[in-house]
Amino acid sequence: MDEPFTKLDIHGLTQEEAIRAIDEELDFAGPGTYQIRVIHGYNRGTNLRSMIHSWYRYEPRVKRIVPGENPGITVLVLRELYS
């Protein structure tokens, strides 16, 4: 069964490693997955946050990108919870 909200921690990864990890998570996400919360960190994670916004802005599987509960998290919205 798909998890509706998944978390992916990319702390300490290079941008290339982070892209690979996020792509794998997107590949694994099924029709029941609504969001992927990507934990990149705040202080050193700002480069990863910028990369997520620029790299996945035009990714067809991602409907939109929104800030998480804190500045160290970015949420990739795959499906709207309410239509």
Protein backbone atom coordinates (compact mmCIF):
# COMPACT_ATOMS: atom_id res chain seq x y z
CA MET A 1 0.00 0.00 0.00
CA ASP A 2 1.24 3.49 -0.85
CA GLU A 3 2.10 5.88 1.94
CA PRO A 4 0.16 9.14 1.42
CA PHE A 5 2.93 11.29 2.94
CA THR A 6 6.54 10.17 2.72
CA LYS A 7 9.73 11.69 4.13
CA LEU A 8 13.11 11.73 2.46
CA ASP A 9 16.20 12.94 4.36
CA ILE A 10 18.93 14.26 2.06
CA HIS A 11 21.13 15.88 4.75
CA GLY A 12 24.78 15.81 3.79
CA LEU A 13 24.24 14.59 0.23
CA THR A 14 25.75 16.25 -2.80
CA GLN A 15 23.34 17.74 -5.30
CA GLU A 16 23.83 14.77 -7.64
CA GLU A 17 23.20 12.28 -4.83
CA ALA A 18 20.13 14.25 -3.73
CA ILE A 19 18.69 14.29 -7.25
CA ARG A 20 19.20 10.53 -7.51
CA ALA A 21 17.50 9.97 -4.12
CA ILE A 22 14.55 12.23 -4.96
CA ASP A 23 14.14 10.62 -8.39
CA GLU A 24 14.08 7.17 -6.77
CA GLU A 25 11.44 8.36 -4.31
CA LEU A 26 9.36 9.78 -7.18
CA ASP A 27 9.71 6.47 -9.07
CA PHE A 28 8.60 4.54 -5.97
CA ALA A 29 5.61 6.83 -5.27
CA GLY A 30 2.36 5.20 -6.28
CA PRO A 31 -1.09 6.61 -6.98
CA GLY A 32 -1.79 6.88 -3.25
CA THR A 33 1.19 9.14 -2.51
CA TYR A 34 0.23 12.81 -2.16
CA GLN A 35 3.40 14.45 -0.87
CA ILE A 36 7.09 13.86 -0.38
CA ARG A 37 8.59 15.89 2.46
CA VAL A 38 12.23 16.42 1.56
CA ILE A 39 14.38 17.19 4.60
CA HIS A 40 17.45 19.09 3.44
CA GLY A 41 18.40 21.10 6.52
CA TYR A 42 18.50 24.82 7.06
CA ASN A 43 22.05 26.11 7.41
CA ARG A 44 23.88 24.07 4.80
CA GLY A 45 20.70 22.80 3.20
CA THR A 46 19.86 26.05 1.43
CA ASN A 47 21.85 24.94 -1.64
CA LEU A 48 19.82 21.73 -1.74
CA ARG A 49 16.59 23.70 -1.29
CA SER A 50 17.50 25.93 -4.24
CA MET A 51 18.39 22.88 -6.33
CA ILE A 52 15.02 21.26 -5.52
CA HIS A 53 13.14 24.36 -6.63
CA SER A 54 15.06 24.77 -9.87
CA TRP A 55 15.39 21.07 -10.78
CA TYR A 56 11.85 19.90 -9.97
CA ARG A 57 9.94 23.02 -11.01
CA TYR A 58 9.22 21.45 -14.41
CA GLU A 59 9.09 17.79 -13.31
CA PRO A 60 5.75 16.47 -14.64
CA ARG A 61 5.22 14.22 -11.59
CA VAL A 62 5.41 17.23 -9.23
CA LYS A 63 2.31 19.45 -9.22
CA ARG A 64 3.86 22.13 -7.04
CA ILE A 65 6.61 22.80 -4.53
CA VAL A 66 5.77 24.35 -1.16
CA PRO A 67 7.72 25.18 2.01
CA GLY A 68 7.55 22.66 4.82
CA GLU A 69 6.82 23.12 8.50
CA ASN A 70 10.23 24.75 8.92
CA PRO A 71 12.89 26.21 6.59
CA GLY A 72 14.78 22.90 6.49
CA ILE A 73 11.94 21.07 4.71
CA THR A 74 10.54 21.38 1.19
CA VAL A 75 7.36 19.55 0.17
CA LEU A 76 6.89 18.10 -3.30
CA VAL A 77 3.13 17.88 -3.92
CA LEU A 78 2.37 15.01 -6.29
CA ARG A 79 -1.41 15.02 -5.94
CA GLU A 80 -3.85 17.37 -4.31
CA LEU A 81 -5.43 16.00 -1.17
CA TYR A 82 -8.76 17.59 -2.04
CA SER A 83 -9.86 18.19 -5.59
